[in-house]
C-alpha atoms as a PDB file:
ATOM      1  CA  MET A   1      89.274 107.945  99.006  1.00  0.00           C
ATOM      2  CA  SER A   2      85.816 106.917  97.904  1.00  0.00           C
ATOM      3  CA  VAL A   3      82.743 106.323 100.059  1.00  0.00           C
ATOM      4  CA  THR A   4      82.913 102.564  99.606  1.00  0.00           C
ATOM      5  CA  ASP A   5      86.408 102.452 101.061  1.00  0.00           C
ATOM      6  CA  ASP A   6      85.081 103.560 104.453  1.00  0.00           C
ATOM      7  CA  VAL A   7      82.644 100.641 104.887  1.00  0.00           C
ATOM      8  CA  VAL A   8      84.387  97.450 105.969  1.00  0.00           C
ATOM      9  CA  VAL A   9      82.332  94.441 107.065  1.00  0.00           C
ATOM     10  CA  PRO A  10      84.443  91.715 108.696  1.00  0.00           C
ATOM     11  CA  ALA A  11      83.987  88.269 107.259  1.00  0.00           C
ATOM     12  CA  THR A  12      83.165  86.920 110.699  1.00  0.00           C
ATOM     13  CA  ALA A  13      80.206  89.308 111.049  1.00  0.00           C
ATOM     14  CA  THR A  14      78.760  88.124 107.752  1.00  0.00           C
ATOM     15  CA  ALA A  15      79.318  84.472 108.673  1.00  0.00           C
ATOM     16  CA  THR A  16      77.710  84.984 112.065  1.00  0.00           C
ATOM     17  CA  ALA A  17      74.666  86.666 110.540  1.00  0.00           C
ATOM     18  CA  THR A  18      74.288  83.829 108.039  1.00  0.00           C
ATOM     19  CA  ALA A  19      74.639  81.204 110.723  1.00  0.00           C
ATOM     20  CA  THR A  20      72.053  83.010 112.893  1.00  0.00           C
ATOM     21  CA  ALA A  21      69.597  83.218 110.018  1.00  0.00           C
ATOM     22  CA  THR A  22      70.060  79.570 109.206  1.00  0.00           C
ATOM     23  CA  ALA A  23      69.579  78.504 112.833  1.00  0.00           C
ATOM     24  CA  THR A  24      66.431  80.641 113.151  1.00  0.00           C
ATOM     25  CA  ALA A  25      64.982  79.187 109.969  1.00  0.00           C
ATOM     26  CA  THR A  26      65.751  75.644 111.180  1.00  0.00           C
ATOM     27  CA  VAL A  27      64.118  76.250 114.555  1.00  0.00           C
ATOM     28  CA  LEU A  28      60.972  77.725 112.932  1.00  0.00           C
ATOM     29  CA  LEU A  29      60.744  74.861 110.459  1.00  0.00           C
ATOM     30  CA  PHE A  30      61.190  72.242 113.188  1.00  0.00           C
ATOM     31  CA  SER A  31      58.637  73.970 115.422  1.00  0.00           C
ATOM     32  CA  THR A  32      56.078  74.201 112.628  1.00  0.00           C
ATOM     33  CA  ALA A  33      56.515  70.500 111.767  1.00  0.00           C
ATOM     34  CA  LEU A  34      56.215  69.511 115.428  1.00  0.00           C
ATOM     35  CA  ILE A  35      52.994  71.499 115.886  1.00  0.00           C
ATOM     36  CA  ILE A  36      51.471  69.919 112.803  1.00  0.00           C
ATOM     37  CA  VAL A  37      52.423  66.387 113.878  1.00  0.00           C
ATOM     38  CA  CYS A  38      51.033  66.963 117.372  1.00  0.00           C
ATOM     39  CA  PHE A  39      47.775  68.332 115.933  1.00  0.00           C
ATOM     40  CA  VAL A  40      47.338  65.331 113.636  1.00  0.00           C
ATOM     41  CA  VAL A  41      48.108  62.877 116.413  1.00  0.00           C
ATOM     42  CA  LEU A  42      45.639  64.526 118.764  1.00  0.00           C
ATOM     43  CA  LEU A  43      42.976  64.689 116.057  1.00  0.00           C
ATOM     44  CA  LEU A  44      43.267  60.955 115.359  1.00  0.00           C
ATOM     45  CA  MET A  45      43.650  59.838 118.981  1.00  0.00           C
ATOM     46  CA  PRO A  46      40.509  58.250 120.422  1.00  0.00           C
ATOM     47  CA  PHE A  47      39.259  59.962 123.572  1.00  0.00           C
ATOM     48  CA  PRO A  48      37.110  58.218 126.204  1.00  0.00           C
ATOM     49  CA  GLY A  49      33.503  58.195 125.101  1.00  0.00           C
ATOM     50  CA  VAL A  50      34.333  59.371 121.571  1.00  0.00           C
ATOM     51  CA  PRO A  51      35.135  56.652 118.991  1.00  0.00           C
ATOM     52  CA  LEU A  52      37.201  58.865 116.741  1.00  0.00           C
ATOM     53  CA  ALA A  53      37.532  62.520 117.616  1.00  0.00           C
ATOM     54  CA  GLY A  54      38.600  63.438 114.125  1.00  0.00           C
ATOM     55  CA  ARG A  55      35.678  61.678 112.520  1.00  0.00           C
ATOM     56  CA  ALA A  56      33.284  63.327 114.982  1.00  0.00           C
ATOM     57  CA  VAL A  57      34.636  66.757 114.118  1.00  0.00           C
ATOM     58  CA  VAL A  58      34.309  66.083 110.373  1.00  0.00           C
ATOM     59  CA  ASN A  59      30.800  64.695 110.730  1.00  0.00           C
ATOM     60  CA  GLY A  60      29.727  67.621 112.925  1.00  0.00           C
ATOM     61  CA  ALA A  61      31.088  70.126 110.415  1.00  0.00           C
ATOM     62  CA  SER A  62      29.397  68.285 107.568  1.00  0.00           C
ATOM     63  CA  GLU A  63      26.073  68.309 109.397  1.00  0.00           C
ATOM     64  CA  ALA A  64      26.444  71.992 110.183  1.00  0.00           C
ATOM     65  CA  VAL A  65      27.094  72.842 106.524  1.00  0.00           C
ATOM     66  CA  SER A  66      24.102  70.731 105.484  1.00  0.00           C
ATOM     67  CA  ALA A  67      21.896  72.535 107.978  1.00  0.00           C
ATOM     68  CA  LEU A  68      23.034  75.929 106.808  1.00  0.00           C
ATOM     69  CA  ALA A  69      22.413  74.921 103.195  1.00  0.00           C
ATOM     70  CA  GLY A  70      18.889  73.826 104.097  1.00  0.00           C
ATOM     71  CA  PHE A  71      19.483  70.140 103.334  1.00  0.00           C
ATOM     72  CA  HIS A  72      17.588  67.871 105.747  1.00  0.00           C
ATOM     73  CA  PRO A  73      17.714  64.167 104.838  1.00  0.00           C
END
């Protein structure tokens, strides 16, 4: 009797592990996509008093980089 004869993995255990891994990957992928979509929607959504929140963030970042670079128009 060889060593490999002692190790028996039932087919159901392998199938269960594969199904669990697939389900986990699907949940992670769905969660990541949902977070990205929510972030983009919130970034583009106009808030009271702010015309475009996303544009304000980009303009603010651009001005900050210009100030750090010493560029003053």
